[in-house]
Amino acid sequence: MQTHLQEHKLENNVLNIDGKEFSTENLKDDQKALIDQIGFCQNEINQLAILVRKIDVFEKAKQVYKANLLTSLQNDKTIETMDNSKAG
């Protein structure tokens, strides 16, 4: 089950977790610490999701570079073969 804190509701002294609302006026210190930990985890998850997207982009780019290199090498080999056949 995903827990989602809606920060804009925290400003109005309301905490929303999975659609349930709780007043934040009388939170204990350990509950406040847990809210901070959840926010920290969500921020890290967001950063990791961005990294996963970057990996996908770079993997695709790497495949294009490899294909371009292979084409270039094959073109060089074709030119060399053509030059060798003209010499003979």
PDB file of N, CA and C in Angstrom:
ATOM      1  N   MET A   1       0.839  -1.172   0.000  1.00  0.00           N
ATOM      2  CA  MET A   1       0.000   0.000   0.000  1.00  0.00           C
ATOM      3  C   MET A   1       0.888   1.240   0.000  1.00  0.00           C
ATOM      4  N   GLN A   2       0.616   2.150  -0.895  1.00  0.00           N
ATOM      5  CA  GLN A   2       1.428   3.354  -1.007  1.00  0.00           C
ATOM      6  C   GLN A   2       0.901   4.418  -0.045  1.00  0.00           C
ATOM      7  N   THR A   3       1.805   5.028   0.677  1.00  0.00           N
ATOM      8  CA  THR A   3       1.441   6.126   1.571  1.00  0.00           C
ATOM      9  C   THR A   3       1.829   7.422   0.910  1.00  0.00           C
ATOM     10  N   HIS A   4       0.896   8.332   0.853  1.00  0.00           N
ATOM     11  CA  HIS A   4       1.169   9.599   0.188  1.00  0.00           C
ATOM     12  C   HIS A   4       0.761  10.729   1.117  1.00  0.00           C
ATOM     13  N   LEU A   5       1.697  11.603   1.390  1.00  0.00           N
ATOM     14  CA  LEU A   5       1.413  12.782   2.206  1.00  0.00           C
ATOM     15  C   LEU A   5       1.155  13.948   1.282  1.00  0.00           C
ATOM     16  N   GLN A   6       0.075  14.623   1.507  1.00  0.00           N
ATOM     17  CA  GLN A   6      -0.215  15.806   0.713  1.00  0.00           C
ATOM     18  C   GLN A   6       0.247  17.015   1.513  1.00  0.00           C
ATOM     19  N   GLU A   7       1.403  17.557   1.142  1.00  0.00           N
ATOM     20  CA  GLU A   7       2.019  18.611   1.923  1.00  0.00           C
ATOM     21  C   GLU A   7       1.159  19.859   2.019  1.00  0.00           C
ATOM     22  N   HIS A   8       0.419  20.178   0.990  1.00  0.00           N
ATOM     23  CA  HIS A   8      -0.396  21.383   1.058  1.00  0.00           C
ATOM     24  C   HIS A   8      -1.457  21.261   2.147  1.00  0.00           C
ATOM     25  N   LYS A   9      -1.887  20.057   2.453  1.00  0.00           N
ATOM     26  CA  LYS A   9      -2.849  19.870   3.538  1.00  0.00           C
ATOM     27  C   LYS A   9      -2.160  19.927   4.896  1.00  0.00           C
ATOM     28  N   LEU A  10      -0.873  19.611   4.942  1.00  0.00           N
ATOM     29  CA  LEU A  10      -0.142  19.735   6.202  1.00  0.00           C
ATOM     30  C   LEU A  10      -0.123  21.187   6.670  1.00  0.00           C
ATOM     31  N   GLU A  11      -0.075  22.098   5.735  1.00  0.00           N
ATOM     32  CA  GLU A  11      -0.061  23.518   6.089  1.00  0.00           C
ATOM     33  C   GLU A  11      -1.375  23.943   6.733  1.00  0.00           C
ATOM     34  N   ASN A  12      -2.441  23.243   6.437  1.00  0.00           N
ATOM     35  CA  ASN A  12      -3.755  23.550   7.006  1.00  0.00           C
ATOM     36  C   ASN A  12      -4.034  22.690   8.237  1.00  0.00           C
ATOM     37  N   ASN A  13      -2.974  22.177   8.862  1.00  0.00           N
ATOM     38  CA  ASN A  13      -3.085  21.335  10.056  1.00  0.00           C
ATOM     39  C   ASN A  13      -3.859  20.048   9.808  1.00  0.00           C
ATOM     40  N   VAL A  14      -3.805  19.556   8.563  1.00  0.00           N
ATOM     41  CA  VAL A  14      -4.459  18.293   8.221  1.00  0.00           C
ATOM     42  C   VAL A  14      -3.442  17.427   7.493  1.00  0.00           C
ATOM     43  N   LEU A  15      -3.338  16.189   7.931  1.00  0.00           N
ATOM     44  CA  LEU A  15      -2.452  15.207   7.319  1.00  0.00           C
ATOM     45  C   LEU A  15      -3.328  14.199   6.593  1.00  0.00           C
ATOM     46  N   ASN A  16      -3.057  13.964   5.311  1.00  0.00           N
ATOM     47  CA  ASN A  16      -3.838  13.025   4.527  1.00  0.00           C
ATOM     48  C   ASN A  16      -2.956  11.841   4.187  1.00  0.00           C
ATOM     49  N   ILE A  17      -3.333  10.662   4.695  1.00  0.00           N
ATOM     50  CA  ILE A  17      -2.603   9.428   4.405  1.00  0.00           C
ATOM     51  C   ILE A  17      -3.599   8.426   3.843  1.00  0.00           C
ATOM     52  N   ASP A  18      -3.375   8.039   2.598  1.00  0.00           N
ATOM     53  CA  ASP A  18      -4.242   7.069   1.925  1.00  0.00           C
ATOM     54  C   ASP A  18      -5.710   7.448   2.027  1.00  0.00           C
ATOM     55  N   GLY A  19      -6.001   8.738   1.865  1.00  0.00           N
ATOM     56  CA  GLY A  19      -7.375   9.209   1.865  1.00  0.00           C
ATOM     57  C   GLY A  19      -7.980   9.454   3.237  1.00  0.00           C
ATOM     58  N   LYS A  20      -7.219   9.180   4.281  1.00  0.00           N
ATOM     59  CA  LYS A  20      -7.698   9.426   5.640  1.00  0.00           C
ATOM     60  C   LYS A  20      -7.059  10.707   6.156  1.00  0.00           C
ATOM     61  N   GLU A  21      -7.868  11.545   6.776  1.00  0.00           N
ATOM     62  CA  GLU A  21      -7.362  12.816   7.269  1.00  0.00           C
ATOM     63  C   GLU A  21      -7.183  12.786   8.782  1.00  0.00           C
ATOM     64  N   PHE A  22      -6.064  13.383   9.224  1.00  0.00           N
ATOM     65  CA  PHE A  22      -5.728  13.452  10.640  1.00  0.00           C
ATOM     66  C   PHE A  22      -5.319  14.878  10.974  1.00  0.00           C
ATOM     67  N   SER A  23      -5.733  15.352  12.125  1.00  0.00           N
ATOM     68  CA  SER A  23      -5.316  16.669  12.585  1.00  0.00           C
ATOM     69  C   SER A  23      -3.853  16.596  12.989  1.00  0.00           C
ATOM     70  N   THR A  24      -3.110  17.638  12.665  1.00  0.00           N
ATOM     71  CA  THR A  24      -1.689  17.678  13.024  1.00  0.00           C
ATOM     72  C   THR A  24      -1.434  18.569  14.240  1.00  0.00           C
ATOM     73  N   GLU A  25      -2.490  19.083  14.831  1.00  0.00           N
ATOM     74  CA  GLU A  25      -2.321  20.027  15.936  1.00  0.00           C
ATOM     75  C   GLU A  25      -1.682  19.409  17.177  1.00  0.00           C
ATOM     76  N   ASN A  26      -1.974  18.162  17.460  1.00  0.00           N
ATOM     77  CA  ASN A  26      -1.486  17.547  18.694  1.00  0.00           C
ATOM     78  C   ASN A  26      -0.593  16.337  18.422  1.00  0.00           C
ATOM     79  N   LEU A  27       0.185  16.394  17.351  1.00  0.00           N
ATOM     80  CA  LEU A  27       1.062  15.269  17.032  1.00  0.00           C
ATOM     81  C   LEU A  27       2.175  15.144  18.071  1.00  0.00           C
ATOM     82  N   LYS A  28       2.514  13.901  18.369  1.00  0.00           N
ATOM     83  CA  LYS A  28       3.648  13.634  19.258  1.00  0.00           C
ATOM     84  C   LYS A  28       4.933  13.814  18.444  1.00  0.00           C
ATOM     85  N   ASP A  29       6.029  13.982  19.161  1.00  0.00           N
ATOM     86  CA  ASP A  29       7.324  14.171  18.491  1.00  0.00           C
ATOM     87  C   ASP A  29       7.680  12.987  17.598  1.00  0.00           C
ATOM     88  N   ASP A  30       7.407  11.774  18.063  1.00  0.00           N
ATOM     89  CA  ASP A  30       7.741  10.601  17.250  1.00  0.00           C
ATOM     90  C   ASP A  30       6.869  10.535  15.995  1.00  0.00           C
ATOM     91  N   GLN A  31       5.640  11.021  16.067  1.00  0.00           N
ATOM     92  CA  GLN A  31       4.783  11.068  14.885  1.00  0.00           C
ATOM     93  C   GLN A  31       5.283  12.111  13.896  1.00  0.00           C
ATOM     94  N   LYS A  32       5.728  13.238  14.392  1.00  0.00           N
ATOM     95  CA  LYS A  32       6.315  14.267  13.525  1.00  0.00           C
ATOM     96  C   LYS A  32       7.577  13.736  12.846  1.00  0.00           C
ATOM     97  N   ALA A  33       8.359  12.992  13.615  1.00  0.00           N
ATOM     98  CA  ALA A  33       9.581  12.407  13.048  1.00  0.00           C
ATOM     99  C   ALA A  33       9.230  11.407  11.945  1.00  0.00           C
ATOM    100  N   LEU A  34       8.179  10.637  12.151  1.00  0.00           N
ATOM    101  CA  LEU A  34       7.752   9.675  11.120  1.00  0.00           C
ATOM    102  C   LEU A  34       7.274  10.396   9.858  1.00  0.00           C
ATOM    103  N   ILE A  35       6.583  11.505  10.029  1.00  0.00           N
ATOM    104  CA  ILE A  35       6.152  12.299   8.873  1.00  0.00           C
ATOM    105  C   ILE A  35       7.375  12.798   8.106  1.00  0.00           C
ATOM    106  N   ASP A  36       8.374  13.262   8.835  1.00  0.00           N
ATOM    107  CA  ASP A  36       9.614  13.704   8.186  1.00  0.00           C
ATOM    108  C   ASP A  36      10.278  12.559   7.442  1.00  0.00           C
ATOM    109  N   GLN A  37      10.308  11.367   8.038  1.00  0.00           N
ATOM    110  CA  GLN A  37      10.934  10.200   7.405  1.00  0.00           C
ATOM    111  C   GLN A  37      10.185   9.799   6.141  1.00  0.00           C
ATOM    112  N   ILE A  38       8.856   9.858   6.199  1.00  0.00           N
ATOM    113  CA  ILE A  38       8.060   9.532   5.010  1.00  0.00           C
ATOM    114  C   ILE A  38       8.360  10.532   3.899  1.00  0.00           C
ATOM    115  N   GLY A  39       8.430  11.807   4.241  1.00  0.00           N
ATOM    116  CA  GLY A  39       8.762  12.827   3.242  1.00  0.00           C
ATOM    117  C   GLY A  39      10.146  12.619   2.654  1.00  0.00           C
ATOM    118  N   PHE A  40      11.097  12.268   3.518  1.00  0.00           N
ATOM    119  CA  PHE A  40      12.460  12.003   3.050  1.00  0.00           C
ATOM    120  C   PHE A  40      12.465  10.818   2.085  1.00  0.00           C
ATOM    121  N   CYS A  41      11.769   9.751   2.458  1.00  0.00           N
ATOM    122  CA  CYS A  41      11.707   8.563   1.593  1.00  0.00           C
ATOM    123  C   CYS A  41      11.072   8.899   0.252  1.00  0.00           C
ATOM    124  N   GLN A  42       9.993   9.685   0.273  1.00  0.00           N
ATOM    125  CA  GLN A  42       9.333  10.043  -0.976  1.00  0.00           C
ATOM    126  C   GLN A  42      10.262  10.855  -1.867  1.00  0.00           C
ATOM    127  N   ASN A  43      11.013  11.766  -1.280  1.00  0.00           N
ATOM    128  CA  ASN A  43      11.977  12.550  -2.068  1.00  0.00           C
ATOM    129  C   ASN A  43      13.036  11.650  -2.694  1.00  0.00           C
ATOM    130  N   GLU A  44      13.527  10.678  -1.939  1.00  0.00           N
ATOM    131  CA  GLU A  44      14.537   9.748  -2.469  1.00  0.00           C
ATOM    132  C   GLU A  44      13.946   8.886  -3.583  1.00  0.00           C
ATOM    133  N   ILE A  45      12.712   8.432  -3.395  1.00  0.00           N
ATOM    134  CA  ILE A  45      12.041   7.644  -4.432  1.00  0.00           C
ATOM    135  C   ILE A  45      11.921   8.460  -5.711  1.00  0.00           C
ATOM    136  N   ASN A  46      11.542   9.719  -5.572  1.00  0.00           N
ATOM    137  CA  ASN A  46      11.432  10.590  -6.742  1.00  0.00           C
ATOM    138  C   ASN A  46      12.776  10.744  -7.449  1.00  0.00           C
ATOM    139  N   GLN A  47      13.850  10.913  -6.678  1.00  0.00           N
ATOM    140  CA  GLN A  47      15.183  11.050  -7.274  1.00  0.00           C
ATOM    141  C   GLN A  47      15.605   9.764  -7.976  1.00  0.00           C
ATOM    142  N   LEU A  48      15.309   8.627  -7.375  1.00  0.00           N
ATOM    143  CA  LEU A  48      15.658   7.343  -7.999  1.00  0.00           C
ATOM    144  C   LEU A  48      14.853   7.113  -9.275  1.00  0.00           C
ATOM    145  N   ALA A  49      13.605   7.544  -9.279  1.00  0.00           N
ATOM    146  CA  ALA A  49      12.789   7.407 -10.487  1.00  0.00           C
ATOM    147  C   ALA A  49      13.392   8.224 -11.624  1.00  0.00           C
ATOM    148  N   ILE A  50      13.905   9.398 -11.302  1.00  0.00           N
ATOM    149  CA  ILE A  50      14.572  10.216 -12.317  1.00  0.00           C
ATOM    150  C   ILE A  50      15.814   9.505 -12.833  1.00  0.00           C
ATOM    151  N   LEU A  51      16.567   8.891 -11.938  1.00  0.00           N
ATOM    152  CA  LEU A  51      17.776   8.164 -12.367  1.00  0.00           C
ATOM    153  C   LEU A  51      17.423   6.988 -13.269  1.00  0.00           C
ATOM    154  N   VAL A  52      16.340   6.295 -12.964  1.00  0.00           N
ATOM    155  CA  VAL A  52      15.917   5.176 -13.810  1.00  0.00           C
ATOM    156  C   VAL A  52      15.591   5.680 -15.212  1.00  0.00           C
ATOM    157  N   ARG A  53      14.903   6.817 -15.284  1.00  0.00           N
ATOM    158  CA  ARG A  53      14.599   7.397 -16.597  1.00  0.00           C
ATOM    159  C   ARG A  53      15.874   7.794 -17.328  1.00  0.00           C
ATOM    160  N   LYS A  54      16.843   8.326 -16.599  1.00  0.00           N
ATOM    161  CA  LYS A  54      18.122   8.691 -17.221  1.00  0.00           C
ATOM    162  C   LYS A  54      18.840   7.450 -17.743  1.00  0.00           C
ATOM    163  N   ILE A  55      18.816   6.379 -16.991  1.00  0.00           N
ATOM    164  CA  ILE A  55      19.443   5.131 -17.444  1.00  0.00           C
ATOM    165  C   ILE A  55      18.815   4.684 -18.752  1.00  0.00           C
ATOM    166  N   ASP A  56      17.493   4.724 -18.842  1.00  0.00           N
ATOM    167  CA  ASP A  56      16.810   4.336 -20.079  1.00  0.00           C
ATOM    168  C   ASP A  56      17.270   5.193 -21.254  1.00  0.00           C
ATOM    169  N   VAL A  57      17.356   6.497 -21.035  1.00  0.00           N
ATOM    170  CA  VAL A  57      17.778   7.407 -22.103  1.00  0.00           C
ATOM    171  C   VAL A  57      19.208   7.092 -22.536  1.00  0.00           C
ATOM    172  N   PHE A  58      20.100   6.904 -21.574  1.00  0.00           N
ATOM    173  CA  PHE A  58      21.495   6.635 -21.912  1.00  0.00           C
ATOM    174  C   PHE A  58      21.686   5.255 -22.536  1.00  0.00           C
ATOM    175  N   GLU A  59      20.893   4.280 -22.136  1.00  0.00           N
ATOM    176  CA  GLU A  59      20.971   2.958 -22.776  1.00  0.00           C
ATOM    177  C   GLU A  59      20.563   3.060 -24.247  1.00  0.00           C
ATOM    178  N   LYS A  60      19.509   3.820 -24.518  1.00  0.00           N
ATOM    179  CA  LYS A  60      19.067   3.994 -25.904  1.00  0.00           C
ATOM    180  C   LYS A  60      20.108   4.759 -26.710  1.00  0.00           C
ATOM    181  N   ALA A  61      20.665   5.795 -26.111  1.00  0.00           N
ATOM    182  CA  ALA A  61      21.700   6.576 -26.806  1.00  0.00           C
ATOM    183  C   ALA A  61      22.916   5.699 -27.095  1.00  0.00           C
ATOM    184  N   LYS A  62      23.301   4.868 -26.137  1.00  0.00           N
ATOM    185  CA  LYS A  62      24.455   3.980 -26.330  1.00  0.00           C
ATOM    186  C   LYS A  62      24.213   3.035 -27.505  1.00  0.00           C
ATOM    187  N   GLN A  63      23.004   2.520 -27.634  1.00  0.00           N
ATOM    188  CA  GLN A  63      22.688   1.619 -28.738  1.00  0.00           C
ATOM    189  C   GLN A  63      22.804   2.345 -30.088  1.00  0.00           C
ATOM    190  N   VAL A  64      22.382   3.599 -30.130  1.00  0.00           N
ATOM    191  CA  VAL A  64      22.498   4.386 -31.361  1.00  0.00           C
ATOM    192  C   VAL A  64      23.972   4.614 -31.687  1.00  0.00           C
ATOM    193  N   TYR A  65      24.769   4.957 -30.680  1.00  0.00           N
ATOM    194  CA  TYR A  65      26.203   5.166 -30.910  1.00  0.00           C
ATOM    195  C   TYR A  65      26.864   3.882 -31.399  1.00  0.00           C
ATOM    196  N   LYS A  66      26.512   2.754 -30.825  1.00  0.00           N
ATOM    197  CA  LYS A  66      27.081   1.473 -31.266  1.00  0.00           C
ATOM    198  C   LYS A  66      26.690   1.177 -32.707  1.00  0.00           C
ATOM    199  N   ALA A  67      25.439   1.432 -33.050  1.00  0.00           N
ATOM    200  CA  ALA A  67      24.982   1.196 -34.428  1.00  0.00           C
ATOM    201  C   ALA A  67      25.708   2.117 -35.394  1.00  0.00           C
ATOM    202  N   ASN A  68      25.885   3.382 -34.989  1.00  0.00           N
ATOM    203  CA  ASN A  68      26.618   4.323 -35.842  1.00  0.00           C
ATOM    204  C   ASN A  68      28.066   3.897 -36.022  1.00  0.00           C
ATOM    205  N   LEU A  69      28.696   3.421 -34.955  1.00  0.00           N
ATOM    206  CA  LEU A  69      30.078   2.955 -35.056  1.00  0.00           C
ATOM    207  C   LEU A  69      30.168   1.737 -35.964  1.00  0.00           C
ATOM    208  N   LEU A  70      29.258   0.798 -35.814  1.00  0.00           N
ATOM    209  CA  LEU A  70      29.268  -0.400 -36.647  1.00  0.00           C
ATOM    210  C   LEU A  70      29.090  -0.020 -38.117  1.00  0.00           C
ATOM    211  N   THR A  71      28.172   0.882 -38.388  1.00  0.00           N
ATOM    212  CA  THR A  71      27.973   1.350 -39.768  1.00  0.00           C
ATOM    213  C   THR A  71      29.238   2.002 -40.299  1.00  0.00           C
ATOM    214  N   SER A  72      29.877   2.830 -39.489  1.00  0.00           N
ATOM    215  CA  SER A  72      31.102   3.504 -39.908  1.00  0.00           C
ATOM    216  C   SER A  72      32.210   2.496 -40.196  1.00  0.00           C
ATOM    217  N   LEU A  73      32.364   1.521 -39.316  1.00  0.00           N
ATOM    218  CA  LEU A  73      33.397   0.497 -39.520  1.00  0.00           C
ATOM    219  C   LEU A  73      33.107  -0.338 -40.761  1.00  0.00           C
ATOM    220  N   GLN A  74      31.863  -0.658 -40.984  1.00  0.00           N
ATOM    221  CA  GLN A  74      31.504  -1.437 -42.164  1.00  0.00           C
ATOM    222  C   GLN A  74      31.727  -0.622 -43.433  1.00  0.00           C
ATOM    223  N   ASN A  75      31.440   0.678 -43.358  1.00  0.00           N
ATOM    224  CA  ASN A  75      31.702   1.547 -44.519  1.00  0.00           C
ATOM    225  C   ASN A  75      33.190   1.611 -44.818  1.00  0.00           C
ATOM    226  N   ASP A  76      34.018   1.713 -43.768  1.00  0.00           N
ATOM    227  CA  ASP A  76      35.474   1.722 -43.966  1.00  0.00           C
ATOM    228  C   ASP A  76      35.931   0.419 -44.609  1.00  0.00           C
ATOM    229  N   LYS A  77      35.386  -0.688 -44.160  1.00  0.00           N
ATOM    230  CA  LYS A  77      35.764  -2.002 -44.703  1.00  0.00           C
ATOM    231  C   LYS A  77      35.337  -2.102 -46.163  1.00  0.00           C
ATOM    232  N   THR A  78      34.153  -1.582 -46.479  1.00  0.00           N
ATOM    233  CA  THR A  78      33.665  -1.600 -47.862  1.00  0.00           C
ATOM    234  C   THR A  78      34.559  -0.758 -48.759  1.00  0.00           C
ATOM    235  N   ILE A  79      34.947   0.418 -48.278  1.00  0.00           N
ATOM    236  CA  ILE A  79      35.836   1.292 -49.054  1.00  0.00           C
ATOM    237  C   ILE A  79      37.185   0.620 -49.263  1.00  0.00           C
ATOM    238  N   GLU A  80      37.702  -0.016 -48.201  1.00  0.00           N
ATOM    239  CA  GLU A  80      38.994  -0.714 -48.316  1.00  0.00           C
ATOM    240  C   GLU A  80      38.891  -1.846 -49.328  1.00  0.00           C
ATOM    241  N   THR A  81      37.812  -2.589 -49.302  1.00  0.00           N
ATOM    242  CA  THR A  81      37.619  -3.698 -50.231  1.00  0.00           C
ATOM    243  C   THR A  81      37.535  -3.177 -51.665  1.00  0.00           C
ATOM    244  N   MET A  82      36.824  -2.069 -51.843  1.00  0.00           N
ATOM    245  CA  MET A  82      36.711  -1.487 -53.187  1.00  0.00           C
ATOM    246  C   MET A  82      38.080  -1.002 -53.672  1.00  0.00           C
ATOM    247  N   ASP A  83      38.859  -0.375 -52.779  1.00  0.00           N
ATOM    248  CA  ASP A  83      40.181   0.113 -53.175  1.00  0.00           C
ATOM    249  C   ASP A  83      41.086  -1.054 -53.552  1.00  0.00           C
ATOM    250  N   ASN A  84      41.004  -2.144 -52.783  1.00  0.00           N
ATOM    251  CA  ASN A  84      41.837  -3.324 -53.073  1.00  0.00           C
ATOM    252  C   ASN A  84      41.453  -3.963 -54.404  1.00  0.00           C
ATOM    253  N   SER A  85      40.179  -3.936 -54.738  1.00  0.00           N
ATOM    254  CA  SER A  85      39.762  -4.561 -56.001  1.00  0.00           C
ATOM    255  C   SER A  85      40.165  -3.704 -57.215  1.00  0.00           C
ATOM    256  N   LYS A  86      40.303  -2.390 -57.021  1.00  0.00           N
ATOM    257  CA  LYS A  86      40.733  -1.514 -58.104  1.00  0.00           C
ATOM    258  C   LYS A  86      42.216  -1.692 -58.377  1.00  0.00           C
ATOM    259  N   ALA A  87      42.983  -2.004 -57.332  1.00  0.00           N
ATOM    260  CA  ALA A  87      44.431  -2.134 -57.471  1.00  0.00           C
ATOM    261  C   ALA A  87      44.807  -3.390 -58.228  1.00  0.00           C
ATOM    262  N   GLY A  88      43.981  -4.400 -58.180  1.00  0.00           N
ATOM    263  CA  GLY A  88      44.335  -5.683 -58.773  1.00  0.00           C
ATOM    264  C   GLY A  88      43.891  -5.842 -60.132  1.00  0.00           C
TER     265      GLY A  88
END
